[in-house]
Amino acid sequence: MLSNTSKYAIRSAIYLALNVNNGSKIGIKKISGDLNIPSPFLAKILQVLAKQKLLASTKGPNGGFSLARDPKKITLYEIVTIIDGDDIFYKCLISMRTCHEENTPCPVHERYESIRSEVIRLFKELTIGDLAVDIKARDTIIAL
């Protein structure tokens, strides 16, 4: 459902929520190594999130990334729409248009509308902070 780019962005935000404290920053090599994401690709993703003020970044030998806002105020919806736009939430399952653009909805539209609404609600309500708390509360290590 989500692009790898969105998944990497979400995983990185959770990672930062779990590992950064007291205003410290984590370097791109550490993040990419721990999350097994290629550094150049991850750097581009994190730069996009930093431009949108979700992350704070510092250049230089002691530079790195941290969350720019409270993780409880960063929703999955916000991250996905920054990375991929909102097409995933509104695009028709069959047509190449959004279901809102169609004069006559596709045959799946009526059946999928309640699911679509639930997915949008979930992504708008679920925050990076919620996921970080859930991960900390588990006894087993969850691979990000």
Protein backbone atom coordinates (compact mmCIF):
# COMPACT_ATOMS: atom_id res chain seq x y z
CA MET A 1 0.00 0.00 0.00
CA LEU A 2 2.72 2.49 0.95
CA SER A 3 5.72 3.24 -1.21
CA ASN A 4 9.12 2.21 0.10
CA THR A 5 9.97 5.90 0.32
CA SER A 6 7.05 6.52 2.70
CA LYS A 7 7.94 3.43 4.72
CA TYR A 8 11.54 4.62 5.06
CA ALA A 9 10.36 8.08 6.10
CA ILE A 10 8.04 6.65 8.77
CA ARG A 11 10.68 4.20 10.03
CA SER A 12 13.25 7.01 10.23
CA ALA A 13 10.89 9.26 12.18
CA ILE A 14 10.12 6.44 14.63
CA TYR A 15 13.84 5.71 14.93
CA LEU A 16 14.55 9.36 15.77
CA ALA A 17 11.69 9.43 18.30
CA LEU A 18 13.17 6.36 20.00
CA ASN A 19 16.85 7.33 19.91
CA VAL A 20 17.22 11.09 20.14
CA ASN A 21 17.08 12.87 23.48
CA ASN A 22 18.20 16.16 24.98
CA GLY A 23 18.48 17.90 21.63
CA SER A 24 21.09 15.52 20.27
CA LYS A 25 21.20 14.58 16.60
CA ILE A 26 21.95 11.31 14.84
CA GLY A 27 24.06 11.15 11.69
CA ILE A 28 22.78 9.77 8.41
CA LYS A 29 25.26 6.87 8.40
CA LYS A 30 24.09 5.67 11.81
CA ILE A 31 20.43 5.91 10.85
CA SER A 32 20.91 4.21 7.48
CA GLY A 33 23.06 1.47 9.02
CA ASP A 34 20.64 0.74 11.85
CA LEU A 35 17.61 0.77 9.54
CA ASN A 36 19.37 -0.92 6.60
CA ILE A 37 18.42 1.85 4.16
CA PRO A 38 20.91 3.08 1.53
CA SER A 39 22.47 6.35 2.78
CA PRO A 40 22.03 8.44 -0.40
CA PHE A 41 18.34 7.48 -0.67
CA LEU A 42 17.72 8.08 3.03
CA ALA A 43 19.52 11.44 2.88
CA LYS A 44 17.11 12.65 0.18
CA ILE A 45 14.10 11.50 2.20
CA LEU A 46 15.31 13.17 5.38
CA GLN A 47 16.11 16.40 3.52
CA VAL A 48 12.52 16.52 2.25
CA LEU A 49 11.20 16.02 5.80
CA ALA A 50 13.58 18.70 7.08
CA LYS A 51 12.41 21.18 4.41
CA GLN A 52 8.86 20.57 5.60
CA LYS A 53 9.93 21.25 9.22
CA LEU A 54 9.29 17.71 10.49
CA LEU A 55 12.99 17.18 11.11
CA ALA A 56 15.77 19.44 12.28
CA SER A 57 19.13 18.97 10.62
CA THR A 58 22.61 20.22 11.30
CA LYS A 59 25.50 19.96 8.85
CA GLY A 60 29.08 19.22 9.75
CA PRO A 61 31.06 16.57 11.63
CA ASN A 62 28.72 16.65 14.64
CA GLY A 63 25.63 17.13 12.52
CA GLY A 64 22.68 14.91 11.98
CA PHE A 65 18.93 14.76 12.30
CA SER A 66 16.33 14.94 15.04
CA LEU A 67 12.59 15.49 15.13
CA ALA A 68 11.70 19.17 14.88
CA ARG A 69 8.37 18.69 16.61
CA ASP A 70 6.82 16.63 19.34
CA PRO A 71 6.45 13.08 17.93
CA LYS A 72 2.88 13.02 19.30
CA LYS A 73 2.06 15.79 16.80
CA ILE A 74 3.53 14.14 13.69
CA THR A 75 0.95 11.93 12.01
CA LEU A 76 1.51 9.16 9.52
CA TYR A 77 -0.82 11.03 7.15
CA GLU A 78 1.44 14.07 7.25
CA ILE A 79 4.55 12.04 6.46
CA VAL A 80 2.93 10.08 3.63
CA THR A 81 1.45 13.18 2.01
CA ILE A 82 4.79 14.99 2.21
CA ILE A 83 6.60 12.09 0.58
CA ASP A 84 4.04 10.76 -1.90
CA GLY A 85 1.14 13.19 -1.93
CA ASP A 86 -2.38 12.18 -0.98
CA ASP A 87 -3.09 10.02 -4.05
CA ILE A 88 -2.78 6.85 -2.00
CA PHE A 89 -5.76 7.96 0.04
CA TYR A 90 -7.97 9.26 -2.76
CA LYS A 91 -6.93 7.51 -6.00
CA CYS A 92 -9.49 5.17 -7.49
CA LEU A 93 -8.63 1.46 -7.27
CA ILE A 94 -9.41 0.91 -10.95
CA SER A 95 -9.26 4.23 -12.78
CA MET A 96 -6.21 6.44 -13.14
CA ARG A 97 -8.13 9.35 -11.56
CA THR A 98 -9.28 10.04 -8.06
CA CYS A 99 -12.77 8.81 -7.32
CA HIS A 100 -13.74 12.41 -6.56
CA GLU A 101 -12.98 13.38 -10.19
CA GLU A 102 -15.22 10.70 -11.65
CA ASN A 103 -18.74 11.64 -12.71
CA THR A 104 -19.69 8.02 -12.29
CA PRO A 105 -17.73 6.22 -9.58
CA CYS A 106 -15.95 2.97 -10.43
CA PRO A 107 -17.62 -0.35 -9.58
CA VAL A 108 -15.44 -0.74 -6.47
CA HIS A 109 -16.05 2.76 -5.14
CA GLU A 110 -19.13 2.06 -3.01
CA ARG A 111 -17.55 -1.03 -1.43
CA TYR A 112 -14.19 0.62 -0.82
CA GLU A 113 -15.36 4.02 0.44
CA SER A 114 -15.80 2.93 4.07
CA ILE A 115 -12.40 1.21 4.04
CA ARG A 116 -10.80 4.29 2.47
CA SER A 117 -12.36 6.50 5.15
CA GLU A 118 -11.10 4.21 7.90
CA VAL A 119 -7.56 4.17 6.47
CA ILE A 120 -7.53 7.97 6.23
CA ARG A 121 -8.79 8.24 9.81
CA LEU A 122 -6.12 5.82 11.03
CA PHE A 123 -3.30 7.68 9.27
CA LYS A 124 -4.54 11.07 10.51
CA GLU A 125 -4.85 9.88 14.12
CA LEU A 126 -1.79 7.64 14.47
CA THR A 127 1.35 9.54 15.38
CA ILE A 128 5.05 8.79 15.43
CA GLY A 129 4.87 9.25 19.20
CA ASP A 130 2.12 6.62 19.47
CA LEU A 131 4.20 4.12 17.52
CA ALA A 132 7.34 4.87 19.54
CA VAL A 133 5.43 4.30 22.79
CA ASP A 134 4.01 1.02 21.44
CA ILE A 135 7.47 -0.18 20.44
CA LYS A 136 8.95 0.71 23.84
CA ALA A 137 6.10 -1.13 25.61
CA ARG A 138 6.75 -4.43 23.83
CA ASP A 139 9.04 -7.00 25.37
CA THR A 140 10.50 -8.05 22.05
CA ILE A 141 12.61 -5.94 19.76
CA ILE A 142 10.70 -4.79 16.70
CA ALA A 143 12.72 -4.43 13.55
CA LEU A 144 12.26 -1.04 12.03
